[in-house]
PDB file of N, CA and C in Angstrom:
ATOM      1  N   UNK A   1     117.826  86.891 135.852  1.00  0.00           N
ATOM      2  CA  UNK A   1     118.121  86.090 134.585  1.00  0.00           C
ATOM      3  C   UNK A   1     119.301  86.730 134.038  1.00  0.00           C
ATOM      4  N   UNK A   2     120.291  85.843 133.571  1.00  0.00           N
ATOM      5  CA  UNK A   2     121.468  86.325 132.960  1.00  0.00           C
ATOM      6  C   UNK A   2     121.332  86.725 131.557  1.00  0.00           C
ATOM      7  N   UNK A   3     122.300  87.463 130.987  1.00  0.00           N
ATOM      8  CA  UNK A   3     122.243  87.938 129.642  1.00  0.00           C
ATOM      9  C   UNK A   3     122.080  86.775 128.617  1.00  0.00           C
ATOM     10  N   UNK A   4     122.807  85.719 128.834  1.00  0.00           N
ATOM     11  CA  UNK A   4     122.779  84.583 127.784  1.00  0.00           C
ATOM     12  C   UNK A   4     121.350  83.940 127.746  1.00  0.00           C
ATOM     13  N   UNK A   5     120.790  83.683 128.880  1.00  0.00           N
ATOM     14  CA  UNK A   5     119.432  83.058 128.864  1.00  0.00           C
ATOM     15  C   UNK A   5     118.360  84.046 128.363  1.00  0.00           C
ATOM     16  N   UNK A   6     118.543  85.267 128.611  1.00  0.00           N
ATOM     17  CA  UNK A   6     117.688  86.445 128.136  1.00  0.00           C
ATOM     18  C   UNK A   6     117.805  86.449 126.587  1.00  0.00           C
ATOM     19  N   UNK A   7     118.993  86.351 126.108  1.00  0.00           N
ATOM     20  CA  UNK A   7     119.183  86.506 124.683  1.00  0.00           C
ATOM     21  C   UNK A   7     118.608  85.275 123.991  1.00  0.00           C
ATOM     22  N   UNK A   8     118.804  84.052 124.614  1.00  0.00           N
ATOM     23  CA  UNK A   8     118.245  82.818 124.061  1.00  0.00           C
ATOM     24  C   UNK A   8     116.744  82.869 124.059  1.00  0.00           C
ATOM     25  N   UNK A   9     116.179  83.412 125.061  1.00  0.00           N
ATOM     26  CA  UNK A   9     114.684  83.498 125.137  1.00  0.00           C
ATOM     27  C   UNK A   9     114.212  84.452 124.122  1.00  0.00           C
ATOM     28  N   UNK A  10     114.872  85.563 123.867  1.00  0.00           N
ATOM     29  CA  UNK A  10     114.436  86.625 122.992  1.00  0.00           C
ATOM     30  C   UNK A  10     114.590  85.937 121.492  1.00  0.00           C
ATOM     31  N   UNK A  11     115.663  85.157 121.256  1.00  0.00           N
ATOM     32  CA  UNK A  11     115.821  84.564 120.032  1.00  0.00           C
ATOM     33  C   UNK A  11     114.704  83.481 119.655  1.00  0.00           C
ATOM     34  N   UNK A  12     114.469  82.826 120.704  1.00  0.00           N
ATOM     35  CA  UNK A  12     113.378  81.696 120.597  1.00  0.00           C
ATOM     36  C   UNK A  12     112.020  82.440 120.274  1.00  0.00           C
ATOM     37  N   UNK A  13     111.705  83.594 120.928  1.00  0.00           N
ATOM     38  CA  UNK A  13     110.408  84.271 120.797  1.00  0.00           C
ATOM     39  C   UNK A  13     110.355  84.822 119.353  1.00  0.00           C
ATOM     40  N   UNK A  14     111.517  85.473 118.892  1.00  0.00           N
ATOM     41  CA  UNK A  14     111.549  85.916 117.500  1.00  0.00           C
ATOM     42  C   UNK A  14     111.270  84.847 116.456  1.00  0.00           C
ATOM     43  N   UNK A  15     111.877  83.597 116.787  1.00  0.00           N
ATOM     44  CA  UNK A  15     111.669  82.491 115.826  1.00  0.00           C
ATOM     45  C   UNK A  15     110.306  82.099 115.838  1.00  0.00           C
ATOM     46  N   UNK A  16     109.560  82.100 116.897  1.00  0.00           N
ATOM     47  CA  UNK A  16     108.166  81.735 117.055  1.00  0.00           C
ATOM     48  C   UNK A  16     107.334  82.735 116.278  1.00  0.00           C
ATOM     49  N   UNK A  17     107.541  84.000 116.536  1.00  0.00           N
ATOM     50  CA  UNK A  17     106.847  85.117 115.887  1.00  0.00           C
ATOM     51  C   UNK A  17     107.035  84.983 114.387  1.00  0.00           C
ATOM     52  N   UNK A  18     108.272  84.861 113.896  1.00  0.00           N
ATOM     53  CA  UNK A  18     108.540  84.737 112.520  1.00  0.00           C
ATOM     54  C   UNK A  18     107.820  83.523 111.920  1.00  0.00           C
ATOM     55  N   UNK A  19     107.787  82.406 112.569  1.00  0.00           N
ATOM     56  CA  UNK A  19     107.109  81.292 111.977  1.00  0.00           C
ATOM     57  C   UNK A  19     105.674  81.519 111.853  1.00  0.00           C
ATOM     58  N   UNK A  20     104.985  82.223 112.840  1.00  0.00           N
ATOM     59  CA  UNK A  20     103.646  82.520 112.699  1.00  0.00           C
ATOM     60  C   UNK A  20     103.362  83.550 111.578  1.00  0.00           C
ATOM     61  N   UNK A  21     104.189  84.591 111.503  1.00  0.00           N
ATOM     62  CA  UNK A  21     104.134  85.452 110.384  1.00  0.00           C
ATOM     63  C   UNK A  21     104.160  84.709 108.936  1.00  0.00           C
ATOM     64  N   UNK A  22     105.073  83.812 108.858  1.00  0.00           N
ATOM     65  CA  UNK A  22     105.236  82.915 107.697  1.00  0.00           C
ATOM     66  C   UNK A  22     103.977  82.175 107.393  1.00  0.00           C
ATOM     67  N   UNK A  23     103.553  81.465 108.458  1.00  0.00           N
ATOM     68  CA  UNK A  23     102.499  80.520 108.414  1.00  0.00           C
ATOM     69  C   UNK A  23     101.107  81.189 107.958  1.00  0.00           C
ATOM     70  N   UNK A  24     100.886  82.398 108.440  1.00  0.00           N
ATOM     71  CA  UNK A  24      99.638  83.090 108.156  1.00  0.00           C
ATOM     72  C   UNK A  24      99.706  83.935 106.827  1.00  0.00           C
ATOM     73  N   UNK A  25     100.977  84.130 106.313  1.00  0.00           N
ATOM     74  CA  UNK A  25     101.038  84.944 105.119  1.00  0.00           C
ATOM     75  C   UNK A  25     101.298  86.378 105.463  1.00  0.00           C
ATOM     76  N   UNK A  26     101.258  86.732 106.725  1.00  0.00           N
ATOM     77  CA  UNK A  26     101.365  88.123 107.100  1.00  0.00           C
ATOM     78  C   UNK A  26     102.764  88.660 106.793  1.00  0.00           C
ATOM     79  N   UNK A  27     103.707  87.889 106.829  1.00  0.00           N
ATOM     80  CA  UNK A  27     105.162  88.340 106.536  1.00  0.00           C
ATOM     81  C   UNK A  27     105.257  88.843 105.117  1.00  0.00           C
ATOM     82  N   UNK A  28     104.684  88.244 104.166  1.00  0.00           N
ATOM     83  CA  UNK A  28     104.686  88.658 102.719  1.00  0.00           C
ATOM     84  C   UNK A  28     103.880  89.851 102.607  1.00  0.00           C
ATOM     85  N   UNK A  29     102.644  89.961 103.400  1.00  0.00           N
ATOM     86  CA  UNK A  29     101.877  91.129 103.235  1.00  0.00           C
ATOM     87  C   UNK A  29     102.618  92.435 103.859  1.00  0.00           C
ATOM     88  N   UNK A  30     103.328  92.159 104.929  1.00  0.00           N
ATOM     89  CA  UNK A  30     104.151  93.265 105.521  1.00  0.00           C
ATOM     90  C   UNK A  30     105.315  93.666 104.575  1.00  0.00           C
ATOM     91  N   UNK A  31     105.944  92.661 103.951  1.00  0.00           N
ATOM     92  CA  UNK A  31     106.997  93.037 102.975  1.00  0.00           C
ATOM     93  C   UNK A  31     106.448  93.858 101.815  1.00  0.00           C
ATOM     94  N   UNK A  32     105.354  93.494 101.392  1.00  0.00           N
ATOM     95  CA  UNK A  32     104.764  94.321 100.256  1.00  0.00           C
ATOM     96  C   UNK A  32     104.387  95.723 100.635  1.00  0.00           C
ATOM     97  N   UNK A  33     103.706  95.833 101.793  1.00  0.00           N
ATOM     98  CA  UNK A  33     103.445  97.148 102.421  1.00  0.00           C
ATOM     99  C   UNK A  33     104.629  97.929 102.515  1.00  0.00           C
ATOM    100  N   UNK A  34     105.733  97.451 103.058  1.00  0.00           N
ATOM    101  CA  UNK A  34     107.030  98.042 103.233  1.00  0.00           C
ATOM    102  C   UNK A  34     107.608  98.468 101.896  1.00  0.00           C
ATOM    103  N   UNK A  35     107.606  97.647 100.988  1.00  0.00           N
ATOM    104  CA  UNK A  35     108.114  97.911  99.701  1.00  0.00           C
ATOM    105  C   UNK A  35     107.479  99.100  99.002  1.00  0.00           C
ATOM    106  N   UNK A  36     106.041  99.041  99.118  1.00  0.00           N
ATOM    107  CA  UNK A  36     105.214 100.254  98.480  1.00  0.00           C
ATOM    108  C   UNK A  36     105.620 101.486  99.289  1.00  0.00           C
ATOM    109  N   UNK A  37     105.635 101.577 100.509  1.00  0.00           N
ATOM    110  CA  UNK A  37     105.883 102.679 101.325  1.00  0.00           C
ATOM    111  C   UNK A  37     107.267 103.276 100.983  1.00  0.00           C
ATOM    112  N   UNK A  38     108.353 102.360 100.774  1.00  0.00           N
ATOM    113  CA  UNK A  38     109.686 102.832 100.512  1.00  0.00           C
ATOM    114  C   UNK A  38     109.757 103.459  99.158  1.00  0.00           C
ATOM    115  N   UNK A  39     108.937 102.943  98.182  1.00  0.00           N
ATOM    116  CA  UNK A  39     108.948 103.526  96.883  1.00  0.00           C
ATOM    117  C   UNK A  39     108.201 104.904  96.930  1.00  0.00           C
ATOM    118  N   UNK A  40     107.077 104.918  97.598  1.00  0.00           N
ATOM    119  CA  UNK A  40     106.358 106.193  97.677  1.00  0.00           C
ATOM    120  C   UNK A  40     107.117 107.344  98.320  1.00  0.00           C
ATOM    121  N   UNK A  41     107.915 106.981  99.421  1.00  0.00           N
ATOM    122  CA  UNK A  41     108.677 108.065  99.998  1.00  0.00           C
ATOM    123  C   UNK A  41     109.943 108.523  99.302  1.00  0.00           C
ATOM    124  N   UNK A  42     110.361 107.767  98.165  1.00  0.00           N
ATOM    125  CA  UNK A  42     111.459 108.052  97.441  1.00  0.00           C
ATOM    126  C   UNK A  42     112.778 107.269  97.968  1.00  0.00           C
ATOM    127  N   UNK A  43     112.629 106.501  98.944  1.00  0.00           N
ATOM    128  CA  UNK A  43     113.770 105.685  99.565  1.00  0.00           C
ATOM    129  C   UNK A  43     114.540 105.037  98.492  1.00  0.00           C
ATOM    130  N   UNK A  44     113.689 104.255  97.687  1.00  0.00           N
ATOM    131  CA  UNK A  44     114.308 103.396  96.623  1.00  0.00           C
ATOM    132  C   UNK A  44     115.146 104.237  95.597  1.00  0.00           C
ATOM    133  N   UNK A  45     114.639 105.333  95.177  1.00  0.00           N
ATOM    134  CA  UNK A  45     115.339 106.217  94.282  1.00  0.00           C
ATOM    135  C   UNK A  45     116.695 106.809  94.936  1.00  0.00           C
ATOM    136  N   UNK A  46     116.542 107.179  96.227  1.00  0.00           N
ATOM    137  CA  UNK A  46     117.744 107.705  96.961  1.00  0.00           C
ATOM    138  C   UNK A  46     118.815 106.540  96.994  1.00  0.00           C
ATOM    139  N   UNK A  47     118.412 105.327  97.339  1.00  0.00           N
ATOM    140  CA  UNK A  47     119.409 104.263  97.432  1.00  0.00           C
ATOM    141  C   UNK A  47     119.932 103.920  96.071  1.00  0.00           C
ATOM    142  N   UNK A  48     119.106 103.978  95.075  1.00  0.00           N
ATOM    143  CA  UNK A  48     119.598 103.718  93.711  1.00  0.00           C
ATOM    144  C   UNK A  48     120.755 104.708  93.343  1.00  0.00           C
ATOM    145  N   UNK A  49     120.405 105.949  93.692  1.00  0.00           N
ATOM    146  CA  UNK A  49     121.329 107.051  93.421  1.00  0.00           C
ATOM    147  C   UNK A  49     122.700 106.810  94.138  1.00  0.00           C
ATOM    148  N   UNK A  50     122.576 106.402  95.423  1.00  0.00           N
ATOM    149  CA  UNK A  50     123.784 106.153  96.169  1.00  0.00           C
ATOM    150  C   UNK A  50     124.522 105.109  95.649  1.00  0.00           C
ATOM    151  N   UNK A  51     123.841 103.985  95.143  1.00  0.00           N
ATOM    152  CA  UNK A  51     124.548 102.796  94.514  1.00  0.00           C
ATOM    153  C   UNK A  51     125.451 103.319  93.360  1.00  0.00           C
ATOM    154  N   UNK A  52     124.792 104.186  92.476  1.00  0.00           N
ATOM    155  CA  UNK A  52     125.395 104.677  91.324  1.00  0.00           C
ATOM    156  C   UNK A  52     126.669 105.444  91.732  1.00  0.00           C
ATOM    157  N   UNK A  53     126.485 106.291  92.631  1.00  0.00           N
ATOM    158  CA  UNK A  53     127.560 107.066  93.313  1.00  0.00           C
ATOM    159  C   UNK A  53     128.830 106.165  93.796  1.00  0.00           C
ATOM    160  N   UNK A  54     128.440 105.221  94.509  1.00  0.00           N
ATOM    161  CA  UNK A  54     129.542 104.224  94.990  1.00  0.00           C
ATOM    162  C   UNK A  54     130.199 103.585  93.862  1.00  0.00           C
ATOM    163  N   UNK A  55     129.465 103.130  92.906  1.00  0.00           N
ATOM    164  CA  UNK A  55     130.078 102.327  91.789  1.00  0.00           C
ATOM    165  C   UNK A  55     130.940 103.338  90.958  1.00  0.00           C
ATOM    166  N   UNK A  56     130.533 104.527  90.813  1.00  0.00           N
ATOM    167  CA  UNK A  56     131.265 105.502  90.054  1.00  0.00           C
ATOM    168  C   UNK A  56     132.523 105.945  90.840  1.00  0.00           C
ATOM    169  N   UNK A  57     132.532 106.019  92.102  1.00  0.00           N
ATOM    170  CA  UNK A  57     133.754 106.343  92.912  1.00  0.00           C
ATOM    171  C   UNK A  57     134.720 105.206  92.892  1.00  0.00           C
ATOM    172  N   UNK A  58     134.226 103.959  93.052  1.00  0.00           N
ATOM    173  CA  UNK A  58     135.197 102.830  93.139  1.00  0.00           C
ATOM    174  C   UNK A  58     135.525 102.126  91.812  1.00  0.00           C
ATOM    175  N   UNK A  59     134.666 102.423  90.806  1.00  0.00           N
ATOM    176  CA  UNK A  59     134.820 101.871  89.501  1.00  0.00           C
ATOM    177  C   UNK A  59     134.214 100.454  89.332  1.00  0.00           C
ATOM    178  N   UNK A  60     133.540 100.235  88.223  1.00  0.00           N
ATOM    179  CA  UNK A  60     132.646  99.042  88.114  1.00  0.00           C
ATOM    180  C   UNK A  60     133.575  97.755  88.310  1.00  0.00           C
ATOM    181  N   UNK A  61     134.828  97.842  87.746  1.00  0.00           N
ATOM    182  CA  UNK A  61     135.652  96.729  87.758  1.00  0.00           C
ATOM    183  C   UNK A  61     136.287  96.425  89.172  1.00  0.00           C
ATOM    184  N   UNK A  62     136.059  97.394  90.131  1.00  0.00           N
ATOM    185  CA  UNK A  62     136.802  97.274  91.419  1.00  0.00           C
ATOM    186  C   UNK A  62     135.809  97.035  92.559  1.00  0.00           C
ATOM    187  N   UNK A  63     134.542  96.732  92.213  1.00  0.00           N
ATOM    188  CA  UNK A  63     133.620  96.439  93.272  1.00  0.00           C
ATOM    189  C   UNK A  63     132.768  95.269  92.958  1.00  0.00           C
ATOM    190  N   UNK A  64     132.451  94.399  94.036  1.00  0.00           N
ATOM    191  CA  UNK A  64     131.628  93.295  93.871  1.00  0.00           C
ATOM    192  C   UNK A  64     130.233  93.608  94.450  1.00  0.00           C
ATOM    193  N   UNK A  65     129.301  92.785  94.166  1.00  0.00           N
ATOM    194  CA  UNK A  65     128.010  92.998  94.701  1.00  0.00           C
ATOM    195  C   UNK A  65     127.960  93.012  96.238  1.00  0.00           C
ATOM    196  N   UNK A  66     128.742  92.143  96.763  1.00  0.00           N
ATOM    197  CA  UNK A  66     128.865  92.034  98.250  1.00  0.00           C
ATOM    198  C   UNK A  66     129.525  93.332  98.809  1.00  0.00           C
ATOM    199  N   UNK A  67     130.552  93.826  98.169  1.00  0.00           N
ATOM    200  CA  UNK A  67     131.102  95.189  98.522  1.00  0.00           C
ATOM    201  C   UNK A  67     130.034  96.309  98.465  1.00  0.00           C
ATOM    202  N   UNK A  68     129.248  96.266  97.434  1.00  0.00           N
ATOM    203  CA  UNK A  68     128.289  97.301  97.287  1.00  0.00           C
ATOM    204  C   UNK A  68     127.245  97.213  98.380  1.00  0.00           C
ATOM    205  N   UNK A  69     126.753  96.018  98.687  1.00  0.00           N
ATOM    206  CA  UNK A  69     125.764  95.855  99.739  1.00  0.00           C
ATOM    207  C   UNK A  69     126.347  96.287 101.068  1.00  0.00           C
ATOM    208  N   UNK A  70     127.625  95.870 101.298  1.00  0.00           N
ATOM    209  CA  UNK A  70     128.167  96.281 102.651  1.00  0.00           C
ATOM    210  C   UNK A  70     128.227  97.894 102.717  1.00  0.00           C
ATOM    211  N   UNK A  71     128.549  98.485 101.665  1.00  0.00           N
ATOM    212  CA  UNK A  71     128.755  99.875 101.554  1.00  0.00           C
ATOM    213  C   UNK A  71     127.360 100.669 101.707  1.00  0.00           C
ATOM    214  N   UNK A  72     126.358 100.143 101.024  1.00  0.00           N
ATOM    215  CA  UNK A  72     125.066 100.892 101.137  1.00  0.00           C
ATOM    216  C   UNK A  72     124.168 100.575 102.217  1.00  0.00           C
ATOM    217  N   UNK A  73     124.315  99.421 102.777  1.00  0.00           N
ATOM    218  CA  UNK A  73     123.333  99.014 103.868  1.00  0.00           C
ATOM    219  C   UNK A  73     123.148  99.990 104.955  1.00  0.00           C
ATOM    220  N   UNK A  74     124.258 100.492 105.563  1.00  0.00           N
ATOM    221  CA  UNK A  74     124.060 101.531 106.675  1.00  0.00           C
ATOM    222  C   UNK A  74     123.251 102.732 106.278  1.00  0.00           C
ATOM    223  N   UNK A  75     123.615 103.249 105.017  1.00  0.00           N
ATOM    224  CA  UNK A  75     122.890 104.419 104.584  1.00  0.00           C
ATOM    225  C   UNK A  75     121.382 104.109 104.285  1.00  0.00           C
ATOM    226  N   UNK A  76     121.190 102.934 103.691  1.00  0.00           N
ATOM    227  CA  UNK A  76     119.843 102.490 103.401  1.00  0.00           C
ATOM    228  C   UNK A  76     119.004 102.333 104.623  1.00  0.00           C
ATOM    229  N   UNK A  77     119.543 101.862 105.733  1.00  0.00           N
ATOM    230  CA  UNK A  77     118.796 101.767 106.925  1.00  0.00           C
ATOM    231  C   UNK A  77     118.489 103.144 107.516  1.00  0.00           C
ATOM    232  N   UNK A  78     119.577 103.938 107.451  1.00  0.00           N
ATOM    233  CA  UNK A  78     119.430 105.386 108.024  1.00  0.00           C
ATOM    234  C   UNK A  78     118.340 106.248 107.235  1.00  0.00           C
ATOM    235  N   UNK A  79     118.237 105.872 105.920  1.00  0.00           N
ATOM    236  CA  UNK A  79     117.308 106.702 105.096  1.00  0.00           C
ATOM    237  C   UNK A  79     115.879 106.376 105.244  1.00  0.00           C
ATOM    238  N   UNK A  80     115.548 105.206 105.891  1.00  0.00           N
ATOM    239  CA  UNK A  80     114.189 104.844 106.048  1.00  0.00           C
ATOM    240  C   UNK A  80     113.484 105.820 107.084  1.00  0.00           C
ATOM    241  N   UNK A  81     112.386 106.419 106.572  1.00  0.00           N
ATOM    242  CA  UNK A  81     111.670 107.480 107.340  1.00  0.00           C
ATOM    243  C   UNK A  81     111.149 106.844 108.646  1.00  0.00           C
ATOM    244  N   UNK A  82     111.203 107.550 109.742  1.00  0.00           N
ATOM    245  CA  UNK A  82     110.698 107.101 111.006  1.00  0.00           C
ATOM    246  C   UNK A  82     109.191 106.800 110.855  1.00  0.00           C
ATOM    247  N   UNK A  83     108.379 107.481 110.007  1.00  0.00           N
ATOM    248  CA  UNK A  83     106.904 107.194 109.786  1.00  0.00           C
ATOM    249  C   UNK A  83     106.806 105.782 109.245  1.00  0.00           C
ATOM    250  N   UNK A  84     107.660 105.305 108.367  1.00  0.00           N
ATOM    251  CA  UNK A  84     107.559 103.962 107.732  1.00  0.00           C
ATOM    252  C   UNK A  84     107.966 102.953 108.873  1.00  0.00           C
ATOM    253  N   UNK A  85     108.841 103.184 109.718  1.00  0.00           N
ATOM    254  CA  UNK A  85     109.261 102.308 110.689  1.00  0.00           C
ATOM    255  C   UNK A  85     108.167 102.175 111.770  1.00  0.00           C
ATOM    256  N   UNK A  86     107.497 103.303 112.125  1.00  0.00           N
ATOM    257  CA  UNK A  86     106.530 103.301 113.130  1.00  0.00           C
ATOM    258  C   UNK A  86     105.299 102.550 112.595  1.00  0.00           C
ATOM    259  N   UNK A  87     104.948 102.666 111.347  1.00  0.00           N
ATOM    260  CA  UNK A  87     103.779 102.055 110.712  1.00  0.00           C
ATOM    261  C   UNK A  87     104.026 100.579 110.664  1.00  0.00           C
ATOM    262  N   UNK A  88     105.136 100.072 110.288  1.00  0.00           N
ATOM    263  CA  UNK A  88     105.493  98.724 110.255  1.00  0.00           C
ATOM    264  C   UNK A  88     105.362  98.064 111.709  1.00  0.00           C
ATOM    265  N   UNK A  89     105.984  98.825 112.700  1.00  0.00           N
ATOM    266  CA  UNK A  89     105.971  98.349 114.096  1.00  0.00           C
ATOM    267  C   UNK A  89     104.506  98.279 114.510  1.00  0.00           C
ATOM    268  N   UNK A  90     103.656  99.270 114.174  1.00  0.00           N
ATOM    269  CA  UNK A  90     102.301  99.226 114.594  1.00  0.00           C
ATOM    270  C   UNK A  90     101.582  97.926 113.952  1.00  0.00           C
ATOM    271  N   UNK A  91     101.860  97.713 112.720  1.00  0.00           N
ATOM    272  CA  UNK A  91     101.262  96.548 112.027  1.00  0.00           C
ATOM    273  C   UNK A  91     101.674  95.249 112.727  1.00  0.00           C
ATOM    274  N   UNK A  92     102.874  95.136 113.054  1.00  0.00           N
ATOM    275  CA  UNK A  92     103.368  93.908 113.783  1.00  0.00           C
ATOM    276  C   UNK A  92     102.809  93.867 115.189  1.00  0.00           C
ATOM    277  N   UNK A  93     102.579  94.938 115.835  1.00  0.00           N
ATOM    278  CA  UNK A  93     102.024  94.836 117.130  1.00  0.00           C
ATOM    279  C   UNK A  93     100.510  94.444 117.018  1.00  0.00           C
ATOM    280  N   UNK A  94      99.836  94.976 116.043  1.00  0.00           N
ATOM    281  CA  UNK A  94      98.403  94.563 115.781  1.00  0.00           C
ATOM    282  C   UNK A  94      98.382  93.075 115.501  1.00  0.00           C
ATOM    283  N   UNK A  95      99.340  92.553 114.702  1.00  0.00           N
ATOM    284  CA  UNK A  95      99.255  91.131 114.430  1.00  0.00           C
ATOM    285  C   UNK A  95      99.465  90.361 115.800  1.00  0.00           C
ATOM    286  N   UNK A  96     100.453  90.718 116.576  1.00  0.00           N
ATOM    287  CA  UNK A  96     100.698  90.099 117.860  1.00  0.00           C
ATOM    288  C   UNK A  96      99.412  90.157 118.723  1.00  0.00           C
ATOM    289  N   UNK A  97      98.735  91.299 118.786  1.00  0.00           N
ATOM    290  CA  UNK A  97      97.633  91.436 119.614  1.00  0.00           C
ATOM    291  C   UNK A  97      96.394  90.486 119.088  1.00  0.00           C
ATOM    292  N   UNK A  98      96.351  90.241 117.881  1.00  0.00           N
ATOM    293  CA  UNK A  98      95.372  89.344 117.233  1.00  0.00           C
ATOM    294  C   UNK A  98      95.682  87.852 117.487  1.00  0.00           C
ATOM    295  N   UNK A  99      96.962  87.596 117.835  1.00  0.00           N
ATOM    296  CA  UNK A  99      97.389  86.211 118.144  1.00  0.00           C
ATOM    297  C   UNK A  99      97.951  86.097 119.531  1.00  0.00           C
ATOM    298  N   UNK A 100      96.988  86.134 120.519  1.00  0.00           N
ATOM    299  CA  UNK A 100      97.444  86.136 121.939  1.00  0.00           C
ATOM    300  C   UNK A 100      98.265  84.834 122.369  1.00  0.00           C
ATOM    301  N   UNK A 101      98.130  83.815 121.604  1.00  0.00           N
ATOM    302  CA  UNK A 101      98.860  82.692 121.876  1.00  0.00           C
ATOM    303  C   UNK A 101     100.390  82.830 121.786  1.00  0.00           C
ATOM    304  N   UNK A 102     100.881  83.946 121.160  1.00  0.00           N
ATOM    305  CA  UNK A 102     102.198  84.068 120.953  1.00  0.00           C
ATOM    306  C   UNK A 102     102.754  84.704 122.246  1.00  0.00           C
TER     307      UNK A 102
END
């Protein structure tokens, strides 16, 4: 199978899984669990401090929300603890195992 058809198949599968997550309400539950875990581990506070630092460096008048998001996104992703990522992945796998039709 070539790369294009493999990527198309992956995209279709992601869309199907996402639709099922939305339909069952599991997506919202996962988002809430993730939100809580990120707050508990201090990620939110770390990212907030980083935002303040970036705004201070660039100046409030010289930065847009889009600029700020582009600036903090890589660090925000890097700061997510592996334990939180593993827990979320485990929850998604459990969901998929409970829905064998996917």
